[in-house]
C-alpha atoms as a PDB file:
ATOM      1  CA  MET A   1      17.961 -10.130 -30.533  1.00  0.00           C
ATOM      2  CA  LYS A   2      16.196 -12.026 -27.780  1.00  0.00           C
ATOM      3  CA  GLN A   3      12.842 -10.630 -26.711  1.00  0.00           C
ATOM      4  CA  LEU A   4      10.641 -10.268 -23.658  1.00  0.00           C
ATOM      5  CA  ILE A   5       6.927  -9.768 -24.138  1.00  0.00           C
ATOM      6  CA  VAL A   6       5.432  -7.977 -21.139  1.00  0.00           C
ATOM      7  CA  LEU A   7       1.695  -8.452 -21.065  1.00  0.00           C
ATOM      8  CA  ILE A   8       0.080  -6.033 -18.613  1.00  0.00           C
ATOM      9  CA  GLY A   9      -3.276  -4.534 -17.763  1.00  0.00           C
ATOM     10  CA  PRO A  10      -5.801  -4.203 -15.015  1.00  0.00           C
ATOM     11  CA  THR A  11      -7.000  -7.113 -12.891  1.00  0.00           C
ATOM     12  CA  GLY A  12      -9.685  -9.188 -14.572  1.00  0.00           C
ATOM     13  CA  VAL A  13      -8.948  -8.017 -18.095  1.00  0.00           C
ATOM     14  CA  GLY A  14      -7.832 -11.483 -19.337  1.00  0.00           C
ATOM     15  CA  LYS A  15      -4.048 -11.471 -19.125  1.00  0.00           C
ATOM     16  CA  THR A  16      -3.681 -15.090 -17.974  1.00  0.00           C
ATOM     17  CA  ALA A  17      -5.576 -16.695 -20.853  1.00  0.00           C
ATOM     18  CA  LEU A  18      -3.888 -14.589 -23.524  1.00  0.00           C
ATOM     19  CA  SER A  19      -0.398 -15.093 -22.020  1.00  0.00           C
ATOM     20  CA  ILE A  20      -0.911 -18.889 -22.165  1.00  0.00           C
ATOM     21  CA  ASP A  21      -2.039 -18.677 -25.784  1.00  0.00           C
ATOM     22  CA  LEU A  22       1.016 -16.597 -26.650  1.00  0.00           C
ATOM     23  CA  ALA A  23       3.325 -18.943 -24.775  1.00  0.00           C
ATOM     24  CA  LYS A  24       1.986 -21.934 -26.616  1.00  0.00           C
ATOM     25  CA  TYR A  25       2.318 -20.159 -29.967  1.00  0.00           C
ATOM     26  CA  TYR A  26       5.950 -19.183 -29.334  1.00  0.00           C
ATOM     27  CA  GLY A  27       6.928 -22.264 -27.372  1.00  0.00           C
ATOM     28  CA  SER A  28       7.751 -19.911 -24.511  1.00  0.00           C
ATOM     29  CA  SER A  29       7.545 -19.897 -20.726  1.00  0.00           C
ATOM     30  CA  ILE A  30       5.791 -17.365 -18.499  1.00  0.00           C
ATOM     31  CA  ILE A  31       7.116 -15.338 -15.607  1.00  0.00           C
ATOM     32  CA  SER A  32       4.477 -14.125 -13.159  1.00  0.00           C
ATOM     33  CA  ALA A  33       4.748 -10.438 -12.226  1.00  0.00           C
ATOM     34  CA  ASP A  34       1.828 -10.619  -9.834  1.00  0.00           C
ATOM     35  CA  SER A  35       3.025  -9.804  -6.348  1.00  0.00           C
ATOM     36  CA  ARG A  36       0.479 -12.010  -4.625  1.00  0.00           C
ATOM     37  CA  GLN A  37       0.815 -15.061  -6.922  1.00  0.00           C
ATOM     38  CA  PHE A  38       4.346 -15.495  -5.549  1.00  0.00           C
ATOM     39  CA  PHE A  39       2.756 -16.955  -2.391  1.00  0.00           C
ATOM     40  CA  LYS A  40       1.493 -20.516  -2.184  1.00  0.00           C
ATOM     41  CA  GLY A  41      -1.864 -21.199  -0.645  1.00  0.00           C
ATOM     42  CA  LEU A  42      -3.538 -18.106  -2.074  1.00  0.00           C
ATOM     43  CA  GLU A  43      -4.531 -19.651  -5.398  1.00  0.00           C
ATOM     44  CA  ILE A  44      -8.179 -18.664  -5.375  1.00  0.00           C
ATOM     45  CA  GLY A  45      -7.845 -15.122  -4.029  1.00  0.00           C
ATOM     46  CA  THR A  46      -5.051 -14.229  -6.395  1.00  0.00           C
ATOM     47  CA  ALA A  47      -6.556 -15.919  -9.463  1.00  0.00           C
ATOM     48  CA  ALA A  48      -3.356 -17.882  -9.880  1.00  0.00           C
ATOM     49  CA  PRO A  49      -2.992 -20.096 -12.976  1.00  0.00           C
ATOM     50  CA  THR A  50      -4.874 -23.379 -12.474  1.00  0.00           C
ATOM     51  CA  THR A  51      -3.214 -26.764 -12.254  1.00  0.00           C
ATOM     52  CA  GLU A  52      -4.310 -27.439 -15.839  1.00  0.00           C
ATOM     53  CA  GLN A  53      -2.828 -24.136 -17.076  1.00  0.00           C
ATOM     54  CA  LEU A  54       0.442 -24.847 -15.277  1.00  0.00           C
ATOM     55  CA  LEU A  55       0.619 -28.136 -17.144  1.00  0.00           C
ATOM     56  CA  TYR A  56       0.132 -26.403 -20.498  1.00  0.00           C
ATOM     57  CA  VAL A  57       2.946 -23.905 -20.071  1.00  0.00           C
ATOM     58  CA  GLN A  58       5.919 -23.648 -17.689  1.00  0.00           C
ATOM     59  CA  HIS A  59       5.382 -20.819 -15.210  1.00  0.00           C
ATOM     60  CA  PHE A  60       8.003 -19.221 -12.977  1.00  0.00           C
ATOM     61  CA  LEU A  61       7.557 -17.367  -9.710  1.00  0.00           C
ATOM     62  CA  VAL A  62       4.108 -18.786  -8.981  1.00  0.00           C
ATOM     63  CA  GLY A  63       3.444 -20.260  -5.532  1.00  0.00           C
ATOM     64  CA  MET A  64       7.085 -20.266  -4.575  1.00  0.00           C
ATOM     65  CA  LEU A  65       6.919 -18.556  -1.178  1.00  0.00           C
ATOM     66  CA  ASP A  66       5.269 -19.132   2.185  1.00  0.00           C
ATOM     67  CA  VAL A  67       2.918 -16.364   3.217  1.00  0.00           C
ATOM     68  CA  THR A  68       5.306 -15.487   6.067  1.00  0.00           C
ATOM     69  CA  SER A  69       8.047 -14.617   3.571  1.00  0.00           C
ATOM     70  CA  TYR A  70       9.056 -11.102   2.555  1.00  0.00           C
ATOM     71  CA  TYR A  71       9.761 -10.589  -1.163  1.00  0.00           C
ATOM     72  CA  SER A  72      10.780  -7.208  -2.507  1.00  0.00           C
ATOM     73  CA  ALA A  73      10.644  -5.707  -5.985  1.00  0.00           C
ATOM     74  CA  SER A  74      14.451  -5.761  -6.078  1.00  0.00           C
ATOM     75  CA  GLU A  75      14.458  -9.471  -5.297  1.00  0.00           C
ATOM     76  CA  PHE A  76      11.893  -9.983  -8.061  1.00  0.00           C
ATOM     77  CA  GLU A  77      14.071  -8.023 -10.481  1.00  0.00           C
ATOM     78  CA  ARG A  78      17.084 -10.224  -9.673  1.00  0.00           C
ATOM     79  CA  ASP A  79      15.156 -13.508  -9.907  1.00  0.00           C
ATOM     80  CA  ALA A  80      13.257 -12.616 -13.069  1.00  0.00           C
ATOM     81  CA  LEU A  81      16.407 -11.501 -14.879  1.00  0.00           C
ATOM     82  CA  ASN A  82      18.177 -14.763 -13.931  1.00  0.00           C
ATOM     83  CA  ILE A  83      15.235 -16.782 -15.270  1.00  0.00           C
ATOM     84  CA  ILE A  84      15.115 -14.761 -18.526  1.00  0.00           C
ATOM     85  CA  ALA A  85      18.864 -15.269 -19.058  1.00  0.00           C
ATOM     86  CA  LYS A  86      18.512 -19.058 -18.643  1.00  0.00           C
ATOM     87  CA  GLU A  87      15.369 -19.245 -20.782  1.00  0.00           C
ATOM     88  CA  HIS A  88      16.948 -17.218 -23.576  1.00  0.00           C
ATOM     89  CA  LEU A  89      19.620 -19.895 -23.940  1.00  0.00           C
ATOM     90  CA  THR A  90      17.030 -22.082 -25.614  1.00  0.00           C
ATOM     91  CA  ARG A  91      14.154 -19.712 -26.484  1.00  0.00           C
ATOM     92  CA  ASP A  92      13.983 -16.480 -28.470  1.00  0.00           C
ATOM     93  CA  ILE A  93      10.973 -15.140 -26.581  1.00  0.00           C
ATOM     94  CA  VAL A  94       9.973 -15.141 -22.923  1.00  0.00           C
ATOM     95  CA  ILE A  95       6.698 -13.755 -21.567  1.00  0.00           C
ATOM     96  CA  ALA A  96       6.135 -11.885 -18.360  1.00  0.00           C
ATOM     97  CA  THR A  97       2.601 -11.024 -17.229  1.00  0.00           C
ATOM     98  CA  GLY A  98       0.942  -9.450 -14.272  1.00  0.00           C
ATOM     99  CA  GLY A  99      -0.723  -6.352 -12.922  1.00  0.00           C
ATOM    100  CA  SER A 100       1.681  -5.377 -10.111  1.00  0.00           C
ATOM    101  CA  MET A 101       2.893  -2.034 -11.347  1.00  0.00           C
ATOM    102  CA  LEU A 102       6.070  -1.722  -9.164  1.00  0.00           C
ATOM    103  CA  TYR A 103       7.281  -5.226 -10.168  1.00  0.00           C
ATOM    104  CA  ILE A 104       6.688  -4.631 -13.870  1.00  0.00           C
ATOM    105  CA  ASP A 105       8.693  -1.393 -13.574  1.00  0.00           C
ATOM    106  CA  ALA A 106      11.466  -3.174 -11.695  1.00  0.00           C
ATOM    107  CA  LEU A 107      11.759  -5.820 -14.451  1.00  0.00           C
ATOM    108  CA  CYS A 108      11.672  -3.387 -17.408  1.00  0.00           C
ATOM    109  CA  ASN A 109      13.571  -0.392 -15.995  1.00  0.00           C
ATOM    110  CA  GLY A 110      15.394  -1.673 -12.954  1.00  0.00           C
ATOM    111  CA  ILE A 111      15.138  -0.620  -9.351  1.00  0.00           C
ATOM    112  CA  ASP A 112      17.604   1.374  -7.335  1.00  0.00           C
ATOM    113  CA  ASP A 113      20.099  -0.613  -5.289  1.00  0.00           C
ATOM    114  CA  VAL A 114      18.624  -0.132  -1.803  1.00  0.00           C
ATOM    115  CA  PRO A 115      20.465  -1.821   1.094  1.00  0.00           C
ATOM    116  CA  THR A 116      19.130  -5.129   2.501  1.00  0.00           C
ATOM    117  CA  ILE A 117      17.098  -4.476   5.594  1.00  0.00           C
ATOM    118  CA  ASP A 118      17.848  -6.167   8.885  1.00  0.00           C
ATOM    119  CA  GLU A 119      14.955  -8.528   9.746  1.00  0.00           C
ATOM    120  CA  GLU A 120      14.902  -7.448  13.374  1.00  0.00           C
ATOM    121  CA  LEU A 121      14.505  -3.790  12.425  1.00  0.00           C
ATOM    122  CA  ARG A 122      11.693  -4.674  10.019  1.00  0.00           C
ATOM    123  CA  LYS A 123       9.964  -6.747  12.688  1.00  0.00           C
ATOM    124  CA  ASP A 124      10.283  -3.909  15.259  1.00  0.00           C
ATOM    125  CA  LEU A 125       8.766  -1.365  12.869  1.00  0.00           C
ATOM    126  CA  TYR A 126       5.825  -3.618  12.027  1.00  0.00           C
ATOM    127  CA  VAL A 127       5.218  -4.240  15.694  1.00  0.00           C
ATOM    128  CA  LEU A 128       5.166  -0.472  16.186  1.00  0.00           C
ATOM    129  CA  TYR A 129       2.776  -0.118  13.303  1.00  0.00           C
ATOM    130  CA  GLU A 130       0.430  -2.806  14.746  1.00  0.00           C
ATOM    131  CA  ARG A 131       0.434  -1.174  18.185  1.00  0.00           C
ATOM    132  CA  GLU A 132       0.348   2.523  17.387  1.00  0.00           C
ATOM    133  CA  GLY A 133      -0.553   2.833  13.716  1.00  0.00           C
ATOM    134  CA  LEU A 134       1.330   4.727  11.050  1.00  0.00           C
ATOM    135  CA  GLU A 135       1.569   8.134  12.726  1.00  0.00           C
ATOM    136  CA  PRO A 136       4.784   7.598  14.734  1.00  0.00           C
ATOM    137  CA  ILE A 137       6.464   6.051  11.674  1.00  0.00           C
ATOM    138  CA  LYS A 138       5.419   8.983   9.473  1.00  0.00           C
ATOM    139  CA  SER A 139       6.700  11.392  12.086  1.00  0.00           C
ATOM    140  CA  GLN A 140      10.167   9.760  12.050  1.00  0.00           C
ATOM    141  CA  LEU A 141      10.243   9.697   8.264  1.00  0.00           C
ATOM    142  CA  ARG A 142       9.324  13.405   8.096  1.00  0.00           C
ATOM    143  CA  VAL A 143      12.372  14.205  10.180  1.00  0.00           C
ATOM    144  CA  LEU A 144      14.805  11.764   8.558  1.00  0.00           C
ATOM    145  CA  ASP A 145      13.753  12.232   4.899  1.00  0.00           C
ATOM    146  CA  PRO A 146      11.472  15.229   4.320  1.00  0.00           C
ATOM    147  CA  ILE A 147      11.981  14.943   0.560  1.00  0.00           C
ATOM    148  CA  PHE A 148      10.523  11.468   0.253  1.00  0.00           C
ATOM    149  CA  TYR A 149       7.926  12.276   2.937  1.00  0.00           C
ATOM    150  CA  ASN A 150       6.488  14.959   0.661  1.00  0.00           C
ATOM    151  CA  GLU A 151       6.463  12.580  -2.369  1.00  0.00           C
ATOM    152  CA  VAL A 152       5.159   9.277  -0.980  1.00  0.00           C
ATOM    153  CA  ASP A 153       1.536   8.234  -0.668  1.00  0.00           C
ATOM    154  CA  LEU A 154       1.288   8.476   3.094  1.00  0.00           C
ATOM    155  CA  LYS A 155      -1.581   5.982   3.134  1.00  0.00           C
ATOM    156  CA  ASN A 156       0.691   3.310   1.649  1.00  0.00           C
ATOM    157  CA  TYR A 157       2.052   1.930   4.905  1.00  0.00           C
ATOM    158  CA  LYS A 158       4.419  -0.533   3.217  1.00  0.00           C
ATOM    159  CA  ARG A 159       6.316   2.180   1.364  1.00  0.00           C
ATOM    160  CA  VAL A 160       6.367   4.482   4.367  1.00  0.00           C
ATOM    161  CA  ILE A 161       7.773   1.755   6.614  1.00  0.00           C
ATOM    162  CA  HIS A 162      10.308   0.647   3.989  1.00  0.00           C
ATOM    163  CA  ALA A 163      11.595   4.196   3.576  1.00  0.00           C
ATOM    164  CA  LEU A 164      12.047   4.538   7.348  1.00  0.00           C
ATOM    165  CA  GLU A 165      13.813   1.131   7.426  1.00  0.00           C
ATOM    166  CA  VAL A 166      16.399   2.417   4.956  1.00  0.00           C
ATOM    167  CA  CYS A 167      16.855   5.683   6.874  1.00  0.00           C
ATOM    168  CA  LEU A 168      17.445   3.879  10.141  1.00  0.00           C
ATOM    169  CA  MET A 169      19.665   1.163   8.579  1.00  0.00           C
ATOM    170  CA  THR A 170      21.992   3.489   6.693  1.00  0.00           C
ATOM    171  CA  GLY A 171      21.783   6.819   8.476  1.00  0.00           C
ATOM    172  CA  LYS A 172      21.011   8.349   5.072  1.00  0.00           C
ATOM    173  CA  PRO A 173      17.691   9.554   3.589  1.00  0.00           C
ATOM    174  CA  TYR A 174      15.838   6.944   1.541  1.00  0.00           C
ATOM    175  CA  SER A 175      15.529   9.533  -1.243  1.00  0.00           C
ATOM    176  CA  SER A 176      19.304   9.566  -1.623  1.00  0.00           C
ATOM    177  CA  PHE A 177      19.177   5.997  -2.987  1.00  0.00           C
ATOM    178  CA  ARG A 178      16.505   6.741  -5.579  1.00  0.00           C
ATOM    179  CA  THR A 179      18.298   7.697  -8.780  1.00  0.00           C
ATOM    180  CA  ASN A 180      15.525   6.553 -11.174  1.00  0.00           C
ATOM    181  CA  THR A 181      18.205   5.606 -13.723  1.00  0.00           C
ATOM    182  CA  LYS A 182      16.906   3.155 -16.309  1.00  0.00           C
ATOM    183  CA  LYS A 183      19.048   0.004 -16.349  1.00  0.00           C
ATOM    184  CA  TYR A 184      20.341  -1.778 -19.437  1.00  0.00           C
ATOM    185  CA  ARG A 185      18.594  -5.026 -20.467  1.00  0.00           C
ATOM    186  CA  PRO A 186      20.319  -7.432 -22.877  1.00  0.00           C
ATOM    187  CA  PHE A 187      17.021  -8.151 -24.682  1.00  0.00           C
ATOM    188  CA  ASN A 188      14.284  -6.227 -26.473  1.00  0.00           C
ATOM    189  CA  ILE A 189      11.178  -5.480 -24.456  1.00  0.00           C
ATOM    190  CA  VAL A 190       7.750  -5.370 -26.164  1.00  0.00           C
ATOM    191  CA  LYS A 191       5.066  -4.084 -23.804  1.00  0.00           C
ATOM    192  CA  ILE A 192       1.482  -5.059 -24.559  1.00  0.00           C
ATOM    193  CA  GLY A 193      -1.307  -3.473 -22.546  1.00  0.00           C
ATOM    194  CA  LEU A 194      -4.747  -5.122 -22.408  1.00  0.00           C
ATOM    195  CA  MET A 195      -7.788  -3.039 -21.663  1.00  0.00           C
ATOM    196  CA  ARG A 196     -11.522  -3.279 -21.924  1.00  0.00           C
ATOM    197  CA  ASP A 197     -14.338  -0.732 -21.843  1.00  0.00           C
ATOM    198  CA  ARG A 198     -14.909   0.152 -18.207  1.00  0.00           C
ATOM    199  CA  GLU A 199     -18.428  -1.271 -17.940  1.00  0.00           C
ATOM    200  CA  GLU A 200     -17.320  -4.609 -19.418  1.00  0.00           C
ATOM    201  CA  LEU A 201     -14.269  -4.762 -17.138  1.00  0.00           C
ATOM    202  CA  TYR A 202     -16.363  -4.082 -14.077  1.00  0.00           C
ATOM    203  CA  GLU A 203     -18.785  -6.844 -15.070  1.00  0.00           C
ATOM    204  CA  ARG A 204     -15.879  -9.236 -15.426  1.00  0.00           C
ATOM    205  CA  ILE A 205     -14.517  -8.217 -12.055  1.00  0.00           C
ATOM    206  CA  ASN A 206     -17.848  -8.727 -10.342  1.00  0.00           C
ATOM    207  CA  LEU A 207     -18.306 -12.124 -11.959  1.00  0.00           C
ATOM    208  CA  ARG A 208     -14.773 -13.123 -11.029  1.00  0.00           C
ATOM    209  CA  VAL A 209     -15.352 -12.322  -7.373  1.00  0.00           C
ATOM    210  CA  ASP A 210     -18.554 -14.395  -7.423  1.00  0.00           C
ATOM    211  CA  THR A 211     -16.626 -17.263  -9.058  1.00  0.00           C
ATOM    212  CA  MET A 212     -13.882 -17.000  -6.405  1.00  0.00           C
ATOM    213  CA  MET A 213     -16.466 -17.253  -3.645  1.00  0.00           C
ATOM    214  CA  ASN A 214     -17.986 -20.332  -5.290  1.00  0.00           C
ATOM    215  CA  GLN A 215     -14.510 -21.886  -5.615  1.00  0.00           C
ATOM    216  CA  GLY A 216     -13.870 -21.510  -1.875  1.00  0.00           C
ATOM    217  CA  LEU A 217     -12.308 -18.109  -1.267  1.00  0.00           C
ATOM    218  CA  LEU A 218     -13.968 -17.912   2.165  1.00  0.00           C
ATOM    219  CA  LYS A 219     -12.393 -21.224   3.214  1.00  0.00           C
ATOM    220  CA  GLU A 220      -9.028 -19.909   2.012  1.00  0.00           C
ATOM    221  CA  ALA A 221      -9.445 -16.765   4.069  1.00  0.00           C
ATOM    222  CA  GLU A 222     -10.540 -18.799   7.141  1.00  0.00           C
ATOM    223  CA  HIS A 223      -7.401 -20.822   6.918  1.00  0.00           C
ATOM    224  CA  TYR A 224      -5.211 -17.715   7.037  1.00  0.00           C
ATOM    225  CA  TYR A 225      -7.308 -15.701   9.460  1.00  0.00           C
ATOM    226  CA  PRO A 226      -4.853 -16.327  12.350  1.00  0.00           C
ATOM    227  CA  GLN A 227      -2.077 -14.856  10.136  1.00  0.00           C
ATOM    228  CA  ARG A 228      -4.109 -11.898   8.904  1.00  0.00           C
ATOM    229  CA  HIS A 229      -1.481  -9.427  10.144  1.00  0.00           C
ATOM    230  CA  LEU A 230       1.049 -10.658   7.525  1.00  0.00           C
ATOM    231  CA  ASN A 231       1.949  -8.321   4.630  1.00  0.00           C
ATOM    232  CA  SER A 232       1.223 -11.013   2.079  1.00  0.00           C
ATOM    233  CA  LEU A 233      -2.408 -11.130   3.271  1.00  0.00           C
ATOM    234  CA  ASN A 234      -2.900  -7.389   3.201  1.00  0.00           C
ATOM    235  CA  THR A 235      -4.632  -7.601  -0.123  1.00  0.00           C
ATOM    236  CA  VAL A 236      -8.071  -7.231  -1.651  1.00  0.00           C
ATOM    237  CA  GLY A 237     -10.230 -10.291  -1.030  1.00  0.00           C
ATOM    238  CA  TYR A 238      -8.645 -11.413   2.136  1.00  0.00           C
ATOM    239  CA  LYS A 239      -8.851  -8.085   3.993  1.00  0.00           C
ATOM    240  CA  GLU A 240     -12.583  -7.868   3.442  1.00  0.00           C
ATOM    241  CA  LEU A 241     -13.232 -11.480   4.415  1.00  0.00           C
ATOM    242  CA  PHE A 242     -11.158 -11.042   7.549  1.00  0.00           C
ATOM    243  CA  ASN A 243     -13.555  -8.243   8.512  1.00  0.00           C
ATOM    244  CA  TYR A 244     -16.426 -10.679   8.033  1.00  0.00           C
ATOM    245  CA  LEU A 245     -14.679 -13.351  10.076  1.00  0.00           C
ATOM    246  CA  SER A 246     -14.016 -10.894  12.899  1.00  0.00           C
ATOM    247  CA  GLY A 247     -17.743 -10.125  13.060  1.00  0.00           C
ATOM    248  CA  GLU A 248     -17.326  -6.564  11.799  1.00  0.00           C
ATOM    249  CA  TRP A 249     -19.133  -7.056   8.507  1.00  0.00           C
ATOM    250  CA  THR A 250     -21.829  -9.367   7.060  1.00  0.00           C
ATOM    251  CA  LEU A 251     -20.678 -11.787   4.356  1.00  0.00           C
ATOM    252  CA  ASP A 252     -22.772 -10.073   1.649  1.00  0.00           C
ATOM    253  CA  PHE A 253     -21.287  -6.693   2.563  1.00  0.00           C
ATOM    254  CA  ALA A 254     -17.760  -8.125   2.542  1.00  0.00           C
ATOM    255  CA  VAL A 255     -18.268  -9.577  -0.955  1.00  0.00           C
ATOM    256  CA  GLU A 256     -19.586  -6.265  -2.282  1.00  0.00           C
ATOM    257  CA  LYS A 257     -16.587  -4.513  -0.730  1.00  0.00           C
ATOM    258  CA  ILE A 258     -14.251  -6.988  -2.523  1.00  0.00           C
ATOM    259  CA  LYS A 259     -15.875  -6.048  -5.826  1.00  0.00           C
ATOM    260  CA  GLN A 260     -15.680  -2.360  -5.079  1.00  0.00           C
ATOM    261  CA  SER A 261     -12.031  -2.485  -3.938  1.00  0.00           C
ATOM    262  CA  THR A 262     -11.074  -4.492  -7.007  1.00  0.00           C
ATOM    263  CA  ARG A 263     -12.703  -1.984  -9.303  1.00  0.00           C
ATOM    264  CA  ILE A 264     -10.879   0.870  -7.567  1.00  0.00           C
ATOM    265  CA  TYR A 265      -7.600  -1.063  -7.846  1.00  0.00           C
ATOM    266  CA  SER A 266      -8.161  -1.601 -11.601  1.00  0.00           C
ATOM    267  CA  ARG A 267      -8.472   2.186 -12.073  1.00  0.00           C
ATOM    268  CA  LYS A 268      -5.211   2.744 -10.130  1.00  0.00           C
ATOM    269  CA  GLN A 269      -3.507   0.168 -12.363  1.00  0.00           C
ATOM    270  CA  MET A 270      -4.668   1.892 -15.539  1.00  0.00           C
ATOM    271  CA  THR A 271      -3.593   5.310 -14.244  1.00  0.00           C
ATOM    272  CA  TRP A 272      -0.116   3.938 -13.548  1.00  0.00           C
ATOM    273  CA  PHE A 273       0.265   2.105 -16.853  1.00  0.00           C
ATOM    274  CA  LYS A 274      -0.979   4.975 -18.988  1.00  0.00           C
ATOM    275  CA  ARG A 275       2.052   6.978 -17.923  1.00  0.00           C
ATOM    276  CA  ASP A 276       4.215   4.575 -19.955  1.00  0.00           C
ATOM    277  CA  LYS A 277       4.295   5.690 -23.574  1.00  0.00           C
ATOM    278  CA  ASP A 278       6.027   2.435 -24.675  1.00  0.00           C
ATOM    279  CA  ILE A 279       2.938   0.322 -24.068  1.00  0.00           C
ATOM    280  CA  HIS A 280       1.031  -0.851 -27.145  1.00  0.00           C
ATOM    281  CA  TRP A 281      -2.629  -0.992 -26.075  1.00  0.00           C
ATOM    282  CA  ILE A 282      -5.220  -3.505 -27.273  1.00  0.00           C
ATOM    283  CA  ASN A 283      -8.868  -3.068 -26.333  1.00  0.00           C
ATOM    284  CA  LEU A 284     -10.376  -6.568 -25.942  1.00  0.00           C
ATOM    285  CA  SER A 285     -13.853  -4.995 -26.031  1.00  0.00           C
ATOM    286  CA  GLU A 286     -13.180  -4.077 -29.687  1.00  0.00           C
ATOM    287  CA  VAL A 287     -11.216  -7.047 -30.987  1.00  0.00           C
ATOM    288  CA  SER A 288     -11.305 -10.799 -30.406  1.00  0.00           C
ATOM    289  CA  GLU A 289      -8.549 -12.595 -28.589  1.00  0.00           C
ATOM    290  CA  VAL A 290      -7.597 -14.172 -31.925  1.00  0.00           C
ATOM    291  CA  ASP A 291      -7.158 -10.759 -33.509  1.00  0.00           C
ATOM    292  CA  ALA A 292      -5.318  -9.561 -30.411  1.00  0.00           C
ATOM    293  CA  MET A 293      -2.906 -12.441 -30.879  1.00  0.00           C
ATOM    294  CA  LYS A 294      -2.363 -11.500 -34.508  1.00  0.00           C
ATOM    295  CA  GLU A 295      -1.726  -7.884 -33.531  1.00  0.00           C
ATOM    296  CA  ILE A 296       0.838  -8.905 -30.926  1.00  0.00           C
ATOM    297  CA  ILE A 297       2.586 -11.268 -33.341  1.00  0.00           C
ATOM    298  CA  SER A 298       2.799  -8.471 -35.945  1.00  0.00           C
ATOM    299  CA  LEU A 299       4.748  -6.380 -33.420  1.00  0.00           C
ATOM    300  CA  MET A 300       7.475  -8.931 -32.874  1.00  0.00           C
END
């Protein structure tokens, strides 16, 4: 049976390098499941594969969208499955890698068929959010879908807005579309989770942020500062530097906040992934990448 290796783990753990080594070993291609690497122009801030790495192995869904584009988990599910089907015509194994929890879940388990949202409605709700904050949107959601209102992280504005979009578009509660039914996949999925001891992971994250700054992350953020309201730019690294560029923070403080926010995000990623009992974990603080490769190959 055809197989999909899903290589996951927290940001900074070393997924990119190991995925490329695996792809070269199997003669495979790689699908990015990083929700920010989909956008072109954000190469430094998203730690996208380098030009050299892209030459080594064919990558899909990297740098394919303008930052003004909207790209949902359901669209990712559709596109990734189409790519896997085509790749499996000539390859036995395809690799997907990334740390975006919702997108990994959409690929492996499927996502409920939520109606396509009218762009004007989406625009109107985001204008409302920019003008008045999240409170009026939460208030509407509480009335239209109290079930989801009591489940959702009310600080996650994207999910709150999306739920209200569906309510207003369909006249039905967003929760009524969420069946959480696992969808069939015509291939075997092998999930590999990479982890490191927390102290080592944090050191890698701090070093990576310093490297990004040396590579020109500030210049990247300056370029997109006029578009800072876009959803694609509401991400760690850019948000903090936008605060520096607006005069709210010093540069040193902004850089420290990037490191802190990235460390916090890595903990959220691990909390999410550890719910999945199908993941085979490898601690890269305890084994070399060569031994990690051998362990993964033994699972196939």
